[in-house]
């Protein structure tokens, strides 16, 4: 007979696995299993005319910025809901155990940022939302947030944006798609560790002054 703690542990690991698959984009092209993909669940806005949605074409200024911000609302609501459920099921505790051996030496951030780490490969918006919630819920410190933001900021949504925005250039690239993404990933890690070094030196300076 399983104890309550063991049941929670199993539930946490199961929900962590499901969320990792959902945010990874691995199922987006599968005919049936894509029903579990975050992007597919998020859907897309319908078009009004000439493949243009409600944000229109040629807009600028505050009004256009408002419409762009409005398009982020569905991502915010869906990802926040999923993370809240995952937190209750113990997925963040499982993520902390699973990702700590990876993220601690790699960037100096806790394993609880693992889900945001995975989701940031395909969606910069979701990664940013998760990072904010991790900070608000005290899973990461202000310094760890700065390091993680530096990682996400460079080549944000690296897989999705490389394929979509860089698609026309892939045909003439000397490197395969995997190689391009790997280079970007390495540079993201380098950028995060530069900020990590700055944060560490700043902390030492403050301690010396104190």
C-alpha atoms as a PDB file:
ATOM      1  CA  UNK A   1       0.000   0.000   0.000  1.00  0.00           C
ATOM      2  CA  UNK A   2       1.452   3.332  -1.061  1.00  0.00           C
ATOM      3  CA  UNK A   3       1.722   6.126   1.468  1.00  0.00           C
ATOM      4  CA  UNK A   4       0.366   9.626   0.783  1.00  0.00           C
ATOM      5  CA  UNK A   5       3.928  10.875   0.263  1.00  0.00           C
ATOM      6  CA  UNK A   6       4.688   8.136  -2.277  1.00  0.00           C
ATOM      7  CA  UNK A   7       1.450   8.826  -4.154  1.00  0.00           C
ATOM      8  CA  UNK A   8       2.281  12.539  -4.306  1.00  0.00           C
ATOM      9  CA  UNK A   9       5.767  11.721  -5.572  1.00  0.00           C
ATOM     10  CA  UNK A  10       4.412   9.492  -8.351  1.00  0.00           C
ATOM     11  CA  UNK A  11       1.816  12.119  -9.278  1.00  0.00           C
ATOM     12  CA  UNK A  12       4.492  14.819  -9.331  1.00  0.00           C
ATOM     13  CA  UNK A  13       6.841  12.890 -11.617  1.00  0.00           C
ATOM     14  CA  UNK A  14       3.978  11.913 -13.931  1.00  0.00           C
ATOM     15  CA  UNK A  15       2.713  15.492 -14.227  1.00  0.00           C
ATOM     16  CA  UNK A  16       6.284  16.729 -14.783  1.00  0.00           C
ATOM     17  CA  UNK A  17       6.745  14.295 -17.677  1.00  0.00           C
ATOM     18  CA  UNK A  18       3.412  15.275 -19.231  1.00  0.00           C
ATOM     19  CA  UNK A  19       4.177  19.000 -18.956  1.00  0.00           C
ATOM     20  CA  UNK A  20       7.664  18.575 -20.405  1.00  0.00           C
ATOM     21  CA  UNK A  21       6.194  16.793 -23.425  1.00  0.00           C
ATOM     22  CA  UNK A  22       3.453  19.419 -23.775  1.00  0.00           C
ATOM     23  CA  UNK A  23       5.859  22.367 -23.726  1.00  0.00           C
ATOM     24  CA  UNK A  24       8.607  20.689 -25.776  1.00  0.00           C
ATOM     25  CA  UNK A  25       6.678  20.736 -29.063  1.00  0.00           C
ATOM     26  CA  UNK A  26       7.507  17.079 -29.762  1.00  0.00           C
ATOM     27  CA  UNK A  27       3.874  16.189 -30.469  1.00  0.00           C
ATOM     28  CA  UNK A  28       2.869  19.208 -32.557  1.00  0.00           C
ATOM     29  CA  UNK A  29       2.992  17.301 -35.871  1.00  0.00           C
ATOM     30  CA  UNK A  30       1.425  14.046 -34.640  1.00  0.00           C
ATOM     31  CA  UNK A  31      -2.067  13.568 -36.040  1.00  0.00           C
ATOM     32  CA  UNK A  32      -3.683  12.492 -32.758  1.00  0.00           C
ATOM     33  CA  UNK A  33      -1.220  13.129 -29.918  1.00  0.00           C
ATOM     34  CA  UNK A  34      -0.892  16.807 -30.846  1.00  0.00           C
ATOM     35  CA  UNK A  35      -4.016  17.235 -28.712  1.00  0.00           C
ATOM     36  CA  UNK A  36      -1.534  17.241 -25.811  1.00  0.00           C
ATOM     37  CA  UNK A  37       0.771  19.865 -27.351  1.00  0.00           C
ATOM     38  CA  UNK A  38       0.714  23.324 -25.758  1.00  0.00           C
ATOM     39  CA  UNK A  39       0.825  25.222 -29.066  1.00  0.00           C
ATOM     40  CA  UNK A  40      -1.999  23.122 -30.496  1.00  0.00           C
ATOM     41  CA  UNK A  41      -4.106  23.633 -27.369  1.00  0.00           C
ATOM     42  CA  UNK A  42      -3.383  27.353 -27.568  1.00  0.00           C
ATOM     43  CA  UNK A  43      -4.683  27.414 -31.138  1.00  0.00           C
ATOM     44  CA  UNK A  44      -4.553  30.445 -33.411  1.00  0.00           C
ATOM     45  CA  UNK A  45      -6.641  33.502 -34.164  1.00  0.00           C
ATOM     46  CA  UNK A  46      -8.983  33.309 -37.118  1.00  0.00           C
ATOM     47  CA  UNK A  47      -8.339  35.482 -40.145  1.00  0.00           C
ATOM     48  CA  UNK A  48     -10.558  38.341 -41.270  1.00  0.00           C
ATOM     49  CA  UNK A  49      -9.288  38.763 -44.821  1.00  0.00           C
ATOM     50  CA  UNK A  50      -6.106  38.096 -46.785  1.00  0.00           C
ATOM     51  CA  UNK A  51      -4.689  35.983 -43.925  1.00  0.00           C
ATOM     52  CA  UNK A  52      -4.795  38.964 -41.541  1.00  0.00           C
ATOM     53  CA  UNK A  53      -6.127  38.526 -37.993  1.00  0.00           C
ATOM     54  CA  UNK A  54      -7.562  41.191 -35.693  1.00  0.00           C
ATOM     55  CA  UNK A  55      -4.137  42.841 -35.168  1.00  0.00           C
ATOM     56  CA  UNK A  56      -4.257  44.021 -38.781  1.00  0.00           C
ATOM     57  CA  UNK A  57      -1.366  45.204 -40.967  1.00  0.00           C
ATOM     58  CA  UNK A  58       0.724  48.353 -40.893  1.00  0.00           C
ATOM     59  CA  UNK A  59      -0.163  49.395 -37.363  1.00  0.00           C
ATOM     60  CA  UNK A  60       2.278  51.176 -35.058  1.00  0.00           C
ATOM     61  CA  UNK A  61       2.532  53.052 -31.806  1.00  0.00           C
ATOM     62  CA  UNK A  62       0.694  52.379 -28.577  1.00  0.00           C
ATOM     63  CA  UNK A  63      -2.417  51.008 -30.264  1.00  0.00           C
ATOM     64  CA  UNK A  64      -0.501  48.357 -32.170  1.00  0.00           C
ATOM     65  CA  UNK A  65       1.458  47.543 -29.024  1.00  0.00           C
ATOM     66  CA  UNK A  66      -1.811  47.050 -27.157  1.00  0.00           C
ATOM     67  CA  UNK A  67      -3.062  44.590 -29.774  1.00  0.00           C
ATOM     68  CA  UNK A  68       0.211  42.660 -29.706  1.00  0.00           C
ATOM     69  CA  UNK A  69       0.020  42.500 -25.905  1.00  0.00           C
ATOM     70  CA  UNK A  70      -3.566  41.290 -26.199  1.00  0.00           C
ATOM     71  CA  UNK A  71      -2.431  38.330 -28.305  1.00  0.00           C
ATOM     72  CA  UNK A  72      -0.289  37.173 -25.354  1.00  0.00           C
ATOM     73  CA  UNK A  73      -3.292  36.871 -23.025  1.00  0.00           C
ATOM     74  CA  UNK A  74      -4.240  33.304 -24.098  1.00  0.00           C
ATOM     75  CA  UNK A  75      -0.654  32.100 -23.545  1.00  0.00           C
ATOM     76  CA  UNK A  76      -0.608  33.746 -20.139  1.00  0.00           C
ATOM     77  CA  UNK A  77      -3.892  32.211 -19.013  1.00  0.00           C
ATOM     78  CA  UNK A  78      -3.221  28.695 -20.303  1.00  0.00           C
ATOM     79  CA  UNK A  79       0.365  28.454 -19.059  1.00  0.00           C
ATOM     80  CA  UNK A  80      -0.526  29.959 -15.669  1.00  0.00           C
ATOM     81  CA  UNK A  81      -3.336  27.455 -15.279  1.00  0.00           C
ATOM     82  CA  UNK A  82      -1.106  24.526 -16.191  1.00  0.00           C
ATOM     83  CA  UNK A  83       1.651  25.640 -13.831  1.00  0.00           C
ATOM     84  CA  UNK A  84      -0.798  26.110 -10.957  1.00  0.00           C
ATOM     85  CA  UNK A  85      -2.141  22.590 -11.456  1.00  0.00           C
ATOM     86  CA  UNK A  86       1.397  21.222 -11.795  1.00  0.00           C
ATOM     87  CA  UNK A  87       2.433  22.944  -8.595  1.00  0.00           C
ATOM     88  CA  UNK A  88      -0.446  21.341  -6.706  1.00  0.00           C
ATOM     89  CA  UNK A  89       0.438  17.912  -8.118  1.00  0.00           C
ATOM     90  CA  UNK A  90       4.080  18.239  -7.060  1.00  0.00           C
ATOM     91  CA  UNK A  91       5.573  18.663 -10.552  1.00  0.00           C
ATOM     92  CA  UNK A  92       7.813  21.566  -9.498  1.00  0.00           C
ATOM     93  CA  UNK A  93       9.269  19.495  -6.661  1.00  0.00           C
ATOM     94  CA  UNK A  94       9.968  16.696  -9.138  1.00  0.00           C
ATOM     95  CA  UNK A  95      11.467  19.217 -11.584  1.00  0.00           C
ATOM     96  CA  UNK A  96      13.750  20.496  -8.841  1.00  0.00           C
ATOM     97  CA  UNK A  97      15.130  16.995  -8.240  1.00  0.00           C
ATOM     98  CA  UNK A  98      15.452  16.168 -11.942  1.00  0.00           C
ATOM     99  CA  UNK A  99      16.953  19.414 -13.265  1.00  0.00           C
ATOM    100  CA  UNK A 100      19.134  20.495 -10.329  1.00  0.00           C
ATOM    101  CA  UNK A 101      22.114  18.325 -11.430  1.00  0.00           C
ATOM    102  CA  UNK A 102      21.825  19.953 -14.875  1.00  0.00           C
ATOM    103  CA  UNK A 103      20.941  23.592 -14.243  1.00  0.00           C
ATOM    104  CA  UNK A 104      23.039  24.186 -11.108  1.00  0.00           C
ATOM    105  CA  UNK A 105      26.426  23.527 -12.742  1.00  0.00           C
ATOM    106  CA  UNK A 106      25.276  24.853 -16.125  1.00  0.00           C
ATOM    107  CA  UNK A 107      23.928  28.239 -15.024  1.00  0.00           C
ATOM    108  CA  UNK A 108      23.748  28.276 -11.238  1.00  0.00           C
ATOM    109  CA  UNK A 109      19.944  28.204 -11.090  1.00  0.00           C
ATOM    110  CA  UNK A 110      17.739  25.694  -9.232  1.00  0.00           C
ATOM    111  CA  UNK A 111      16.049  22.702 -10.832  1.00  0.00           C
ATOM    112  CA  UNK A 112      12.623  24.213 -10.151  1.00  0.00           C
ATOM    113  CA  UNK A 113      13.257  26.332 -13.263  1.00  0.00           C
ATOM    114  CA  UNK A 114      13.332  23.149 -15.357  1.00  0.00           C
ATOM    115  CA  UNK A 115       9.862  23.511 -16.865  1.00  0.00           C
ATOM    116  CA  UNK A 116      10.562  27.108 -17.861  1.00  0.00           C
ATOM    117  CA  UNK A 117      13.900  25.931 -19.287  1.00  0.00           C
ATOM    118  CA  UNK A 118      12.175  23.340 -21.494  1.00  0.00           C
ATOM    119  CA  UNK A 119       9.330  25.629 -22.583  1.00  0.00           C
ATOM    120  CA  UNK A 120      11.718  28.461 -23.519  1.00  0.00           C
ATOM    121  CA  UNK A 121      13.025  26.370 -26.435  1.00  0.00           C
ATOM    122  CA  UNK A 122       9.722  26.757 -28.268  1.00  0.00           C
ATOM    123  CA  UNK A 123       8.041  29.790 -26.692  1.00  0.00           C
ATOM    124  CA  UNK A 124       9.690  32.894 -25.290  1.00  0.00           C
ATOM    125  CA  UNK A 125       6.332  34.117 -23.937  1.00  0.00           C
ATOM    126  CA  UNK A 126       5.644  31.001 -21.875  1.00  0.00           C
ATOM    127  CA  UNK A 127       9.228  30.889 -20.618  1.00  0.00           C
ATOM    128  CA  UNK A 128       8.959  34.498 -19.441  1.00  0.00           C
ATOM    129  CA  UNK A 129       5.615  33.902 -17.742  1.00  0.00           C
ATOM    130  CA  UNK A 130       6.920  30.843 -15.915  1.00  0.00           C
ATOM    131  CA  UNK A 131      10.060  32.676 -14.810  1.00  0.00           C
ATOM    132  CA  UNK A 132       7.997  35.478 -13.313  1.00  0.00           C
ATOM    133  CA  UNK A 133       5.804  32.994 -11.446  1.00  0.00           C
ATOM    134  CA  UNK A 134       8.865  31.146 -10.144  1.00  0.00           C
ATOM    135  CA  UNK A 135      10.201  34.416  -8.758  1.00  0.00           C
ATOM    136  CA  UNK A 136       6.859  35.520  -7.310  1.00  0.00           C
ATOM    137  CA  UNK A 137       6.454  32.144  -5.580  1.00  0.00           C
ATOM    138  CA  UNK A 138      10.017  32.327  -4.166  1.00  0.00           C
ATOM    139  CA  UNK A 139      11.329  29.342  -6.130  1.00  0.00           C
ATOM    140  CA  UNK A 140      14.183  31.456  -7.505  1.00  0.00           C
ATOM    141  CA  UNK A 141      15.985  34.502  -6.125  1.00  0.00           C
ATOM    142  CA  UNK A 142      16.387  37.878  -7.829  1.00  0.00           C
ATOM    143  CA  UNK A 143      19.964  36.980  -8.828  1.00  0.00           C
ATOM    144  CA  UNK A 144      18.894  33.614 -10.262  1.00  0.00           C
ATOM    145  CA  UNK A 145      16.118  35.354 -12.169  1.00  0.00           C
ATOM    146  CA  UNK A 146      18.641  37.753 -13.728  1.00  0.00           C
ATOM    147  CA  UNK A 147      20.803  34.824 -14.858  1.00  0.00           C
ATOM    148  CA  UNK A 148      17.850  32.891 -16.248  1.00  0.00           C
ATOM    149  CA  UNK A 149      16.481  35.941 -18.079  1.00  0.00           C
ATOM    150  CA  UNK A 150      19.895  36.441 -19.705  1.00  0.00           C
ATOM    151  CA  UNK A 151      19.732  32.839 -20.934  1.00  0.00           C
ATOM    152  CA  UNK A 152      16.231  33.260 -22.350  1.00  0.00           C
ATOM    153  CA  UNK A 153      16.775  36.698 -23.885  1.00  0.00           C
ATOM    154  CA  UNK A 154      19.443  35.558 -26.350  1.00  0.00           C
ATOM    155  CA  UNK A 155      17.863  33.607 -29.235  1.00  0.00           C
ATOM    156  CA  UNK A 156      14.519  33.462 -27.444  1.00  0.00           C
ATOM    157  CA  UNK A 157      12.277  30.580 -28.498  1.00  0.00           C
ATOM    158  CA  UNK A 158      15.347  29.175 -30.204  1.00  0.00           C
ATOM    159  CA  UNK A 159      13.760  26.181 -31.947  1.00  0.00           C
ATOM    160  CA  UNK A 160      10.555  27.862 -33.132  1.00  0.00           C
ATOM    161  CA  UNK A 161      12.165  31.134 -34.207  1.00  0.00           C
ATOM    162  CA  UNK A 162      15.067  29.445 -35.996  1.00  0.00           C
ATOM    163  CA  UNK A 163      12.679  27.343 -38.057  1.00  0.00           C
ATOM    164  CA  UNK A 164      10.104  30.079 -38.748  1.00  0.00           C
ATOM    165  CA  UNK A 165      12.121  33.303 -38.999  1.00  0.00           C
ATOM    166  CA  UNK A 166      15.267  31.662 -40.314  1.00  0.00           C
ATOM    167  CA  UNK A 167      13.481  29.222 -42.602  1.00  0.00           C
ATOM    168  CA  UNK A 168      14.389  30.980 -45.882  1.00  0.00           C
ATOM    169  CA  UNK A 169      18.101  30.842 -44.983  1.00  0.00           C
ATOM    170  CA  UNK A 170      18.233  27.175 -43.986  1.00  0.00           C
ATOM    171  CA  UNK A 171      18.470  26.109 -47.618  1.00  0.00           C
ATOM    172  CA  UNK A 172      21.751  27.971 -48.153  1.00  0.00           C
ATOM    173  CA  UNK A 173      23.201  27.374 -44.699  1.00  0.00           C
ATOM    174  CA  UNK A 174      26.467  25.424 -44.478  1.00  0.00           C
ATOM    175  CA  UNK A 175      25.304  23.850 -41.214  1.00  0.00           C
ATOM    176  CA  UNK A 176      22.332  21.552 -40.610  1.00  0.00           C
ATOM    177  CA  UNK A 177      19.431  22.814 -38.507  1.00  0.00           C
ATOM    178  CA  UNK A 178      20.618  20.870 -35.460  1.00  0.00           C
ATOM    179  CA  UNK A 179      24.054  22.475 -35.647  1.00  0.00           C
ATOM    180  CA  UNK A 180      22.589  25.982 -35.879  1.00  0.00           C
ATOM    181  CA  UNK A 181      20.373  25.421 -32.848  1.00  0.00           C
ATOM    182  CA  UNK A 182      23.277  23.915 -30.894  1.00  0.00           C
ATOM    183  CA  UNK A 183      25.478  26.972 -31.547  1.00  0.00           C
ATOM    184  CA  UNK A 184      22.699  29.270 -30.382  1.00  0.00           C
ATOM    185  CA  UNK A 185      22.154  27.129 -27.280  1.00  0.00           C
ATOM    186  CA  UNK A 186      25.850  27.264 -26.393  1.00  0.00           C
ATOM    187  CA  UNK A 187      25.891  31.048 -26.773  1.00  0.00           C
ATOM    188  CA  UNK A 188      22.782  31.310 -24.593  1.00  0.00           C
ATOM    189  CA  UNK A 189      24.665  29.408 -21.881  1.00  0.00           C
ATOM    190  CA  UNK A 190      27.697  31.671 -22.347  1.00  0.00           C
ATOM    191  CA  UNK A 191      25.516  34.774 -21.973  1.00  0.00           C
ATOM    192  CA  UNK A 192      23.876  33.415 -18.834  1.00  0.00           C
ATOM    193  CA  UNK A 193      27.249  32.678 -17.266  1.00  0.00           C
ATOM    194  CA  UNK A 194      28.558  36.152 -18.095  1.00  0.00           C
ATOM    195  CA  UNK A 195      25.632  37.577 -16.130  1.00  0.00           C
ATOM    196  CA  UNK A 196      26.276  34.948 -13.451  1.00  0.00           C
ATOM    197  CA  UNK A 197      29.851  36.222 -13.155  1.00  0.00           C
ATOM    198  CA  UNK A 198      28.691  39.851 -12.967  1.00  0.00           C
ATOM    199  CA  UNK A 199      26.141  38.957 -10.278  1.00  0.00           C
ATOM    200  CA  UNK A 200      28.781  37.085  -8.294  1.00  0.00           C
ATOM    201  CA  UNK A 201      31.251  39.984  -8.459  1.00  0.00           C
ATOM    202  CA  UNK A 202      28.552  42.496  -7.538  1.00  0.00           C
ATOM    203  CA  UNK A 203      27.637  40.396  -4.510  1.00  0.00           C
ATOM    204  CA  UNK A 204      31.279  40.299  -3.403  1.00  0.00           C
ATOM    205  CA  UNK A 205      31.593  44.078  -3.771  1.00  0.00           C
ATOM    206  CA  UNK A 206      28.484  44.606  -1.646  1.00  0.00           C
ATOM    207  CA  UNK A 207      29.822  42.235   1.013  1.00  0.00           C
ATOM    208  CA  UNK A 208      33.160  44.064   1.059  1.00  0.00           C
ATOM    209  CA  UNK A 209      31.436  47.431   1.486  1.00  0.00           C
ATOM    210  CA  UNK A 210      29.238  46.022   4.242  1.00  0.00           C
END
